[in-house]
Amino acid sequence: MTMIQCISPVDGSVYAERPAMSFDDAKAAITRVRKAQKAWAKRPLEERVSLVLKGVARVNEMAEDIVKELAWQMGRPVKYGGEFKGFNERSNYVASIAHDALAPMMVEKSDKFERYISREPHGVVFVIAPWNYPYMTAINTVAPALMAGNTVVLKHASQTILVGERMVRAFNEAGVPEDVFMNVFLDHGTTSQLIADGQFNFINFTGSVEGGRSIERAAAGTFTGVGLELGGKDPGYVMEDADLDAAVDTLMDGATFNSGQCCCGIERIYVNENLYDAFVEKSVAWVSNYKLGNPLDPETSLGPMANKRFAATVRAQIDEAVSRGAKALVDPKLFPQDDGGAYIAPQILVDVDHSMSIMNEETFGPAVGIMKVRNDAEALELMNDCKYGLTASLWTGDVERAARLGDDLESGTIFMNRADYLDPALCWTGVKETGRGGSLSVLGFHNLTRPKSYHLRKQF
């Protein structure tokens, strides 16, 4: 029997393990979920929304246990208290728009015809959720999918193996039927086999580019809808009229919070030559204030990365950049807890360029490169010189300038004077190797349903 294990970054121990389901057992479970879907979809929308919100409330009641579990599973310090703010904000927002987002689009209602387009649930939605923000990323799809009348099968990354189990238990205890929202433990091979067998009607995956390619290969020929949020290398651009202190505070937080393990974290920064020296000096001071250590210590502000493999990637990018002329500015002596494993000190690099992996490959860790630029044209060229496109963060007092640059940026979201935030009223989407599809907002509901046209003739 294959066991799925979570190796804790805190101390390298096996924190949790569960047996992986066989293909036959998983298929039988999905069959039950499929049978439950039509009855769930026939429940009034208000009832489905209410039950989902009760599930969200039940998750909140588990906060004390959840925060400690996240520290053990993926290293986020207990100091930050989990993911409840975003988890609740997203759930509440999609609940508030569900009625309008799912309402029929009426074309004609006369004495002769009724013509309209309704939104029909896909059926069984398969959510493959990542470990970095395991509750927030899952709820992006779980909440609107259930509200729309789908049933949901949730599979979490092995690094956060307990999250799916706890989340589903909370929803079931709140009244969502067990065959409507189900957690599964699957290895990669069985996951691909189930997808290729056409067991799902829609698949939402958040993870690596290679993981997304595997999902697409498995789904090929099944005509199953797929939504993918994959890699990122999100840029920040600080213009000459930016609020310097605000830019430093937000961009450094965006680059290093959660040990840099954020889908929309800031991974490269371009600063106008007039502000460059001051920005770099303030950024180094900002990052140097972190306390690296055990995430269960309430004084710790920077925990370990989720796995020592991920930290090794960050160190390799830093070493490669330095070997090619970059300078690492954060003093390693400030972080004696850096053990060469999962615990890694934050770092800022200058004298970098786009030939270095720190500026062109996803880092997903607490390290960022900063480059000096002369003008908007140079910054735009550098920001677009990337195979990913999730968000871009622009720092200026000129809204028209930011919007004008945004028109030419190859990115799913354009921020002005903020970063690393998911607005549930806007569609969360990406371009290039960041993936396709979109979650949240009205469009998120549309991606989790299909259009169905009605042409009803009343008179001959």
Protein backbone atom coordinates (compact mmCIF):
# COMPACT_ATOMS: atom_id res chain seq x y z
CA MET A 1 0.00 0.00 0.00
CA THR A 2 1.31 3.43 -0.98
CA MET A 3 1.46 5.91 1.89
CA ILE A 4 1.25 9.65 1.33
CA GLN A 5 3.46 11.44 3.85
CA CYS A 6 3.93 14.97 5.08
CA ILE A 7 7.55 15.53 6.10
CA SER A 8 7.50 18.48 8.47
CA PRO A 9 9.95 21.29 7.66
CA VAL A 10 10.09 22.09 11.38
CA ASP A 11 12.25 19.10 12.26
CA GLY A 12 12.24 16.70 9.29
CA SER A 13 9.91 14.21 10.99
CA VAL A 14 6.94 12.44 9.43
CA TYR A 15 4.17 14.67 10.75
CA ALA A 16 1.25 12.86 9.12
CA GLU A 17 0.61 10.04 6.66
CA ARG A 18 -2.41 8.50 4.98
CA PRO A 19 -2.86 5.48 2.72
CA ALA A 20 -3.39 6.37 -0.93
CA MET A 21 -6.67 5.16 -2.42
CA SER A 22 -6.58 2.56 -5.18
CA PHE A 23 -8.03 3.42 -8.56
CA ASP A 24 -11.05 1.20 -7.97
CA ASP A 25 -11.78 2.61 -4.52
CA ALA A 26 -11.42 6.17 -5.78
CA LYS A 27 -13.65 5.48 -8.77
CA ALA A 28 -16.32 4.02 -6.49
CA ALA A 29 -16.16 7.11 -4.26
CA ILE A 30 -16.46 9.43 -7.26
CA THR A 31 -19.46 7.44 -8.46
CA ARG A 32 -21.20 8.25 -5.18
CA VAL A 33 -20.32 11.91 -5.60
CA ARG A 34 -21.70 11.89 -9.14
CA LYS A 35 -24.97 10.32 -8.00
CA ALA A 36 -25.36 12.97 -5.31
CA GLN A 37 -24.85 15.90 -7.68
CA LYS A 38 -28.28 16.26 -9.24
CA ALA A 39 -30.07 16.23 -5.90
CA TRP A 40 -27.62 18.82 -4.57
CA ALA A 41 -28.16 21.03 -7.65
CA LYS A 42 -31.94 20.87 -7.16
CA ARG A 43 -31.68 22.37 -3.70
CA PRO A 44 -32.47 26.11 -3.67
CA LEU A 45 -29.45 28.29 -4.32
CA GLU A 46 -30.00 30.08 -1.00
CA GLU A 47 -29.76 26.75 0.82
CA ARG A 48 -26.52 25.77 -0.93
CA VAL A 49 -24.98 29.16 -0.18
CA SER A 50 -26.06 28.97 3.45
CA LEU A 51 -24.56 25.50 3.93
CA VAL A 52 -21.26 26.57 2.37
CA LEU A 53 -21.06 29.56 4.70
CA LYS A 54 -21.83 27.31 7.65
CA GLY A 55 -18.92 25.13 6.54
CA VAL A 56 -16.68 28.19 6.39
CA ALA A 57 -17.78 29.16 9.90
CA ARG A 58 -17.02 25.65 11.15
CA VAL A 59 -13.48 25.88 9.71
CA ASN A 60 -13.03 29.13 11.65
CA GLU A 61 -14.04 27.35 14.85
CA MET A 62 -11.07 25.03 14.32
CA ALA A 63 -8.60 27.93 14.15
CA GLU A 64 -6.41 26.97 17.09
CA ASP A 65 -5.73 23.50 15.71
CA ILE A 66 -5.42 24.69 12.11
CA VAL A 67 -2.76 27.32 12.84
CA LYS A 68 -0.54 24.78 14.62
CA GLU A 69 -1.09 22.17 11.91
CA LEU A 70 -0.03 24.64 9.22
CA ALA A 71 3.15 25.45 11.13
CA TRP A 72 4.03 21.76 11.34
CA GLN A 73 3.01 20.95 7.77
CA MET A 74 4.43 23.83 5.74
CA GLY A 75 6.28 26.09 8.15
CA ARG A 76 4.14 29.23 8.40
CA PRO A 77 4.71 30.93 11.78
CA VAL A 78 1.83 30.78 14.26
CA LYS A 79 2.43 34.51 14.71
CA TYR A 80 0.34 35.15 11.58
CA GLY A 81 -2.70 33.19 12.67
CA GLY A 82 -3.51 31.16 9.58
CA GLU A 83 -5.41 32.18 6.46
CA PHE A 84 -8.79 33.10 7.88
CA LYS A 85 -8.99 36.70 6.65
CA GLY A 86 -8.66 35.77 2.99
CA PHE A 87 -10.56 32.51 3.44
CA ASN A 88 -13.55 34.36 4.86
CA GLU A 89 -13.36 37.35 2.53
CA ARG A 90 -13.43 35.17 -0.56
CA SER A 91 -16.21 32.94 0.73
CA ASN A 92 -18.40 35.86 1.76
CA TYR A 93 -17.90 37.71 -1.50
CA VAL A 94 -18.81 34.81 -3.78
CA ALA A 95 -21.85 34.17 -1.58
CA SER A 96 -22.93 37.79 -2.06
CA ILE A 97 -22.79 37.58 -5.86
CA ALA A 98 -23.98 34.00 -6.35
CA HIS A 99 -27.59 34.90 -7.14
CA ASP A 100 -26.71 37.46 -9.81
CA ALA A 101 -23.78 35.49 -11.24
CA LEU A 102 -25.91 32.37 -11.71
CA ALA A 103 -29.10 34.13 -12.84
CA PRO A 104 -30.36 33.34 -16.37
CA MET A 105 -29.44 35.83 -19.08
CA MET A 106 -32.86 36.81 -20.40
CA VAL A 107 -32.95 37.62 -24.12
CA GLU A 108 -36.70 37.80 -24.63
CA LYS A 109 -39.78 37.32 -22.51
CA SER A 110 -42.88 38.13 -24.56
CA ASP A 111 -46.27 36.65 -25.34
CA LYS A 112 -44.63 34.70 -28.16
CA PHE A 113 -41.24 33.59 -26.83
CA GLU A 114 -39.06 33.05 -23.84
CA ARG A 115 -35.40 32.98 -24.80
CA TYR A 116 -32.66 32.84 -22.22
CA ILE A 117 -29.32 31.32 -21.28
CA SER A 118 -29.07 29.51 -17.96
CA ARG A 119 -25.94 28.49 -16.03
CA GLU A 120 -25.76 24.72 -15.46
CA PRO A 121 -23.30 23.09 -13.04
CA HIS A 122 -20.64 20.97 -14.72
CA GLY A 123 -21.24 18.02 -12.39
CA VAL A 124 -18.25 16.70 -10.45
CA VAL A 125 -15.50 19.29 -9.94
CA PHE A 126 -12.04 18.00 -9.02
CA VAL A 127 -9.96 20.49 -7.02
CA ILE A 128 -6.23 19.78 -6.75
CA ALA A 129 -4.98 22.28 -4.18
CA PRO A 130 -1.41 23.37 -3.32
CA TRP A 131 0.39 23.55 0.00
CA ASN A 132 1.49 27.19 0.12
CA TYR A 133 -1.92 28.70 1.00
CA PRO A 134 -3.86 25.47 1.30
CA TYR A 135 -7.14 26.85 2.67
CA MET A 136 -7.39 30.03 0.61
CA THR A 137 -6.44 28.42 -2.70
CA ALA A 138 -8.92 25.59 -2.15
CA ILE A 139 -11.83 27.84 -1.19
CA ASN A 140 -11.38 29.86 -4.40
CA THR A 141 -12.98 26.95 -6.25
CA VAL A 142 -14.69 24.90 -3.55
CA ALA A 143 -17.09 27.66 -2.41
CA PRO A 144 -18.39 28.81 -5.82
CA ALA A 145 -18.42 25.27 -7.20
CA LEU A 146 -20.68 24.02 -4.40
CA MET A 147 -22.85 27.13 -4.52
CA ALA A 148 -23.32 26.63 -8.27
CA GLY A 149 -24.65 23.10 -7.74
CA ASN A 150 -21.56 21.02 -8.44
CA THR A 151 -20.29 18.31 -6.18
CA VAL A 152 -16.60 18.58 -5.29
CA VAL A 153 -13.76 16.10 -4.86
CA LEU A 154 -10.77 17.70 -3.11
CA LYS A 155 -7.20 16.44 -3.26
CA HIS A 156 -4.53 18.32 -1.37
CA ALA A 157 -0.77 18.31 -1.80
CA SER A 158 1.06 15.80 0.38
CA GLN A 159 2.81 18.67 2.19
CA THR A 160 -0.55 19.77 3.61
CA ILE A 161 -2.19 16.38 3.76
CA LEU A 162 -4.39 17.23 6.74
CA VAL A 163 -5.98 20.33 5.20
CA GLY A 164 -8.40 18.60 2.85
CA GLU A 165 -9.39 16.15 5.54
CA ARG A 166 -10.09 18.91 8.07
CA MET A 167 -11.84 21.21 5.60
CA VAL A 168 -14.20 18.51 4.36
CA ARG A 169 -14.93 17.37 7.91
CA ALA A 170 -15.86 20.94 8.85
CA PHE A 171 -18.23 21.27 5.88
CA ASN A 172 -19.79 17.87 6.53
CA GLU A 173 -20.34 18.74 10.21
CA ALA A 174 -22.00 21.98 9.06
CA GLY A 175 -24.52 20.08 6.97
CA VAL A 176 -22.94 19.67 3.51
CA PRO A 177 -23.56 15.98 2.68
CA GLU A 178 -20.53 13.66 2.67
CA ASP A 179 -21.14 12.64 -0.94
CA VAL A 180 -21.38 16.29 -2.02
CA PHE A 181 -17.97 17.39 -0.74
CA MET A 182 -15.36 14.65 -0.39
CA ASN A 183 -11.63 14.55 0.38
CA VAL A 184 -9.42 11.94 -1.28
CA PHE A 185 -5.80 10.82 -0.80
CA LEU A 186 -4.29 9.97 -4.19
CA ASP A 187 -0.84 9.43 -5.62
CA HIS A 188 0.11 11.08 -8.91
CA GLY A 189 -0.39 7.95 -11.01
CA THR A 190 -3.91 7.28 -9.76
CA THR A 191 -4.81 10.94 -10.13
CA SER A 192 -3.78 10.89 -13.79
CA GLN A 193 -5.57 7.59 -14.36
CA LEU A 194 -8.84 8.96 -12.95
CA ILE A 195 -8.60 12.08 -15.10
CA ALA A 196 -7.83 10.07 -18.23
CA ASP A 197 -10.80 7.83 -17.42
CA GLY A 198 -13.10 10.86 -17.60
CA GLN A 199 -14.18 10.68 -13.97
CA PHE A 200 -14.52 14.46 -13.60
CA ASN A 201 -16.47 17.16 -15.39
CA PHE A 202 -14.13 19.99 -14.51
CA ILE A 203 -10.64 20.09 -13.02
CA ASN A 204 -9.04 23.00 -11.20
CA PHE A 205 -5.32 22.67 -10.48
CA THR A 206 -3.01 25.07 -8.68
CA GLY A 207 0.64 24.10 -8.71
CA SER A 208 3.74 23.83 -10.83
CA VAL A 209 4.00 24.22 -14.59
CA GLU A 210 5.04 20.59 -14.94
CA GLY A 211 2.09 19.56 -12.80
CA GLY A 212 -0.21 21.52 -15.10
CA ARG A 213 1.26 19.82 -18.15
CA SER A 214 0.64 16.44 -16.52
CA ILE A 215 -3.00 17.37 -15.91
CA GLU A 216 -3.46 18.48 -19.52
CA ARG A 217 -1.82 15.31 -20.84
CA ALA A 218 -4.04 13.14 -18.67
CA ALA A 219 -7.18 15.02 -19.73
CA ALA A 220 -6.34 14.98 -23.44
CA GLY A 221 -9.21 13.55 -25.46
CA THR A 222 -11.68 13.52 -22.57
CA PHE A 223 -12.94 17.06 -23.36
CA THR A 224 -12.88 17.80 -19.63
CA GLY A 225 -12.64 21.49 -18.79
CA VAL A 226 -9.42 22.44 -17.04
CA GLY A 227 -8.47 25.55 -15.06
CA LEU A 228 -4.78 25.99 -14.29
CA GLU A 229 -2.86 28.41 -12.07
CA LEU A 230 0.78 27.53 -12.44
CA GLY A 231 4.14 29.30 -12.18
CA GLY A 232 4.89 32.95 -11.56
CA LYS A 233 7.70 35.48 -11.61
CA ASP A 234 5.75 38.58 -10.70
CA PRO A 235 7.49 41.95 -11.17
CA GLY A 236 7.30 45.20 -9.25
CA TYR A 237 8.15 48.51 -10.90
CA VAL A 238 8.93 51.57 -8.77
CA MET A 239 8.66 54.82 -10.74
CA GLU A 240 10.35 58.10 -9.89
CA ASP A 241 7.18 59.54 -8.31
CA ALA A 242 6.45 56.53 -6.08
CA ASP A 243 5.92 56.69 -2.33
CA LEU A 244 9.26 55.13 -1.47
CA ASP A 245 8.49 53.88 2.03
CA ALA A 246 5.17 52.38 0.98
CA ALA A 247 6.81 50.68 -2.00
CA VAL A 248 9.56 49.18 0.14
CA ASP A 249 7.14 47.96 2.79
CA THR A 250 4.71 46.33 0.37
CA LEU A 251 7.19 44.91 -2.13
CA MET A 252 9.50 43.45 0.49
CA ASP A 253 6.54 41.90 2.28
CA GLY A 254 5.35 40.56 -1.08
CA ALA A 255 8.77 39.08 -1.77
CA THR A 256 9.39 37.40 1.58
CA PHE A 257 6.13 36.75 3.49
CA ASN A 258 5.35 33.05 3.90
CA SER A 259 9.06 32.51 3.18
CA GLY A 260 8.41 33.81 -0.32
CA GLN A 261 6.07 30.92 -1.08
CA CYS A 262 3.24 32.94 -2.62
CA CYS A 263 1.69 32.41 -6.05
CA CYS A 264 1.61 36.18 -6.59
CA GLY A 265 4.70 36.98 -4.53
CA ILE A 266 7.10 39.63 -5.85
CA GLU A 267 10.06 37.88 -7.46
CA ARG A 268 11.84 40.68 -9.35
CA ILE A 269 11.87 44.45 -8.90
CA TYR A 270 12.74 47.29 -11.26
CA VAL A 271 13.41 50.72 -9.75
CA ASN A 272 13.82 54.07 -11.47
CA GLU A 273 17.44 55.21 -11.30
CA ASN A 274 16.48 58.27 -9.21
CA LEU A 275 15.10 56.11 -6.37
CA TYR A 276 17.23 53.01 -6.81
CA ASP A 277 19.91 53.55 -4.15
CA ALA A 278 17.42 54.62 -1.48
CA PHE A 279 15.05 51.77 -2.34
CA VAL A 280 17.80 49.17 -2.06
CA GLU A 281 19.10 50.57 1.24
CA LYS A 282 15.65 50.65 2.82
CA SER A 283 14.80 47.18 1.48
CA VAL A 284 17.89 45.59 2.99
CA ALA A 285 17.08 47.17 6.36
CA TRP A 286 13.46 45.99 6.10
CA VAL A 287 14.35 42.37 5.33
CA SER A 288 17.10 42.27 7.94
CA ASN A 289 14.50 42.68 10.71
CA TYR A 290 13.04 39.22 10.21
CA LYS A 291 13.45 36.61 12.94
CA LEU A 292 14.06 33.22 11.31
CA GLY A 293 13.17 30.22 13.43
CA ASN A 294 10.75 27.57 14.58
CA PRO A 295 7.27 28.55 13.33
CA LEU A 296 5.70 27.36 16.59
CA ASP A 297 7.59 30.12 18.46
CA PRO A 298 5.26 33.16 18.64
CA GLU A 299 8.29 35.47 18.16
CA THR A 300 9.27 33.88 14.84
CA SER A 301 8.38 36.04 11.83
CA LEU A 302 10.02 33.88 9.12
CA GLY A 303 9.63 30.12 9.28
CA PRO A 304 11.31 27.37 7.27
CA MET A 305 10.40 26.74 3.68
CA ALA A 306 7.95 23.88 3.28
CA ASN A 307 10.62 21.43 2.15
CA LYS A 308 14.40 21.48 2.06
CA ARG A 309 14.17 20.75 -1.69
CA PHE A 310 12.52 24.12 -2.21
CA ALA A 311 15.17 25.89 -0.14
CA ALA A 312 17.89 24.17 -2.20
CA THR A 313 16.41 25.74 -5.35
CA VAL A 314 16.57 29.22 -3.79
CA ARG A 315 20.17 28.73 -2.66
CA ALA A 316 21.16 27.49 -6.11
CA GLN A 317 19.67 30.58 -7.76
CA ILE A 318 21.47 32.88 -5.31
CA ASP A 319 24.79 31.07 -5.78
CA GLU A 320 24.48 31.15 -9.57
CA ALA A 321 23.74 34.88 -9.56
CA VAL A 322 26.66 35.67 -7.24
CA SER A 323 29.02 33.55 -9.34
CA ARG A 324 28.06 35.68 -12.34
CA GLY A 325 28.62 39.04 -10.70
CA ALA A 326 25.54 39.73 -8.56
CA LYS A 327 25.89 41.02 -5.01
CA ALA A 328 23.97 39.54 -2.06
CA LEU A 329 23.30 42.39 0.38
CA VAL A 330 21.66 40.78 3.43
CA ASP A 331 24.25 39.79 6.03
CA PRO A 332 23.96 36.03 6.70
CA LYS A 333 25.30 36.55 10.22
CA LEU A 334 21.92 38.07 11.08
CA PHE A 335 20.33 34.67 10.51
CA PRO A 336 22.35 31.99 12.33
CA GLN A 337 19.27 29.75 12.24
CA ASP A 338 19.91 29.14 8.49
CA ASP A 339 20.82 25.45 8.65
CA GLY A 340 21.42 24.72 4.98
CA GLY A 341 18.14 22.81 4.94
CA ALA A 342 14.57 24.08 5.10
CA TYR A 343 15.52 27.09 7.25
CA ILE A 344 16.86 29.73 4.88
CA ALA A 345 17.75 33.40 5.38
CA PRO A 346 16.07 36.03 3.20
CA GLN A 347 18.22 37.67 0.56
CA ILE A 348 18.29 40.70 -1.75
CA LEU A 349 20.49 40.69 -4.84
CA VAL A 350 21.65 43.60 -7.00
CA ASP A 351 23.79 43.78 -10.14
CA VAL A 352 21.50 41.13 -11.55
CA ASP A 353 20.29 40.68 -15.12
CA HIS A 354 17.90 38.48 -17.06
CA SER A 355 20.54 35.90 -17.91
CA MET A 356 20.39 34.79 -14.27
CA SER A 357 17.79 32.29 -13.03
CA ILE A 358 16.97 34.56 -10.06
CA MET A 359 15.44 36.93 -12.64
CA ASN A 360 13.91 34.50 -15.14
CA GLU A 361 12.92 31.30 -13.29
CA GLU A 362 10.39 30.95 -10.49
CA THR A 363 12.16 31.23 -7.13
CA PHE A 364 9.24 30.70 -4.74
CA GLY A 365 11.40 31.59 -1.79
CA PRO A 366 12.55 34.60 0.30
CA ALA A 367 15.00 36.03 -2.26
CA VAL A 368 14.53 38.81 -4.80
CA GLY A 369 16.63 40.58 -7.41
CA ILE A 370 16.50 44.36 -7.92
CA MET A 371 17.47 46.13 -11.15
CA LYS A 372 17.91 49.83 -11.97
CA VAL A 373 15.92 51.19 -14.95
CA ARG A 374 15.91 54.54 -16.75
CA ASN A 375 12.32 54.83 -17.91
CA ASP A 376 8.96 53.15 -18.48
CA ALA A 377 9.96 51.68 -21.83
CA GLU A 378 12.93 49.83 -20.33
CA ALA A 379 10.86 48.63 -17.36
CA LEU A 380 8.06 47.42 -19.62
CA GLU A 381 10.45 45.44 -21.80
CA LEU A 382 11.99 43.77 -18.76
CA MET A 383 8.66 43.02 -17.08
CA ASN A 384 7.39 41.32 -20.25
CA ASP A 385 10.65 39.40 -20.72
CA CYS A 386 9.25 36.43 -18.85
CA LYS A 387 7.47 33.16 -19.62
CA TYR A 388 4.98 33.73 -16.77
CA GLY A 389 2.22 36.30 -16.26
CA LEU A 390 0.14 36.35 -13.07
CA THR A 391 0.42 39.86 -11.57
CA ALA A 392 2.48 43.03 -11.97
CA SER A 393 2.83 45.74 -9.30
CA LEU A 394 3.23 49.36 -10.45
CA TRP A 395 4.24 52.15 -8.06
CA THR A 396 3.32 55.68 -9.09
CA GLY A 397 0.96 58.51 -8.22
CA ASP A 398 -0.33 58.64 -11.81
CA VAL A 399 -3.35 56.38 -12.42
CA GLU A 400 -3.38 57.05 -16.16
CA ARG A 401 0.30 56.14 -16.43
CA ALA A 402 -0.27 52.88 -14.56
CA ALA A 403 -3.27 52.01 -16.73
CA ARG A 404 -1.32 52.83 -19.88
CA LEU A 405 1.52 50.54 -18.83
CA GLY A 406 -0.99 47.91 -17.79
CA ASP A 407 -2.41 47.83 -21.30
CA ASP A 408 0.97 46.63 -22.58
CA LEU A 409 1.85 44.30 -19.72
CA GLU A 410 1.46 40.56 -20.32
CA SER A 411 -0.14 39.74 -17.00
CA GLY A 412 -3.43 38.56 -15.53
CA THR A 413 -3.70 41.32 -12.88
CA ILE A 414 -2.26 44.83 -12.80
CA PHE A 415 -1.77 46.37 -9.36
CA MET A 416 -1.07 50.02 -8.64
CA ASN A 417 0.45 50.80 -5.25
CA ARG A 418 -0.24 47.35 -3.85
CA ALA A 419 0.86 43.77 -4.45
CA ASP A 420 0.37 40.17 -3.43
CA TYR A 421 -3.39 40.42 -2.92
CA LEU A 422 -6.29 38.51 -4.41
CA ASP A 423 -9.40 40.68 -4.85
CA PRO A 424 -12.40 38.31 -4.90
CA ALA A 425 -14.41 40.77 -6.99
CA LEU A 426 -11.87 40.50 -9.81
CA CYS A 427 -11.07 37.45 -11.89
CA TRP A 428 -7.88 35.69 -10.75
CA THR A 429 -6.23 34.61 -13.97
CA GLY A 430 -2.90 34.37 -15.75
CA VAL A 431 -1.27 34.22 -19.15
CA LYS A 432 1.62 32.34 -20.77
CA GLU A 433 2.96 29.51 -18.58
CA THR A 434 1.04 30.81 -15.57
CA GLY A 435 -1.93 28.91 -16.99
CA ARG A 436 -5.46 29.50 -18.18
CA GLY A 437 -8.98 29.96 -16.90
CA GLY A 438 -9.91 32.07 -13.91
CA SER A 439 -11.40 31.87 -10.45
CA LEU A 440 -13.54 34.13 -8.25
CA SER A 441 -15.65 37.10 -9.44
CA VAL A 442 -18.66 36.56 -11.69
CA LEU A 443 -16.36 34.96 -14.25
CA GLY A 444 -15.28 32.36 -11.70
CA PHE A 445 -18.90 31.21 -11.44
CA HIS A 446 -19.09 31.09 -15.23
CA ASN A 447 -16.01 28.88 -15.40
CA LEU A 448 -17.62 26.46 -12.94
CA THR A 449 -20.83 26.21 -14.96
CA ARG A 450 -21.79 25.76 -18.59
CA PRO A 451 -24.23 27.82 -20.63
CA LYS A 452 -27.53 26.18 -21.58
CA SER A 453 -29.84 27.93 -24.04
CA TYR A 454 -33.64 27.89 -23.92
CA HIS A 455 -35.72 28.88 -26.95
CA LEU A 456 -39.34 28.47 -25.89
CA ARG A 457 -42.01 29.28 -28.46
CA LYS A 458 -45.40 29.97 -26.89
CA GLN A 459 -47.52 30.53 -30.03
CA PHE A 460 -47.56 29.16 -33.57
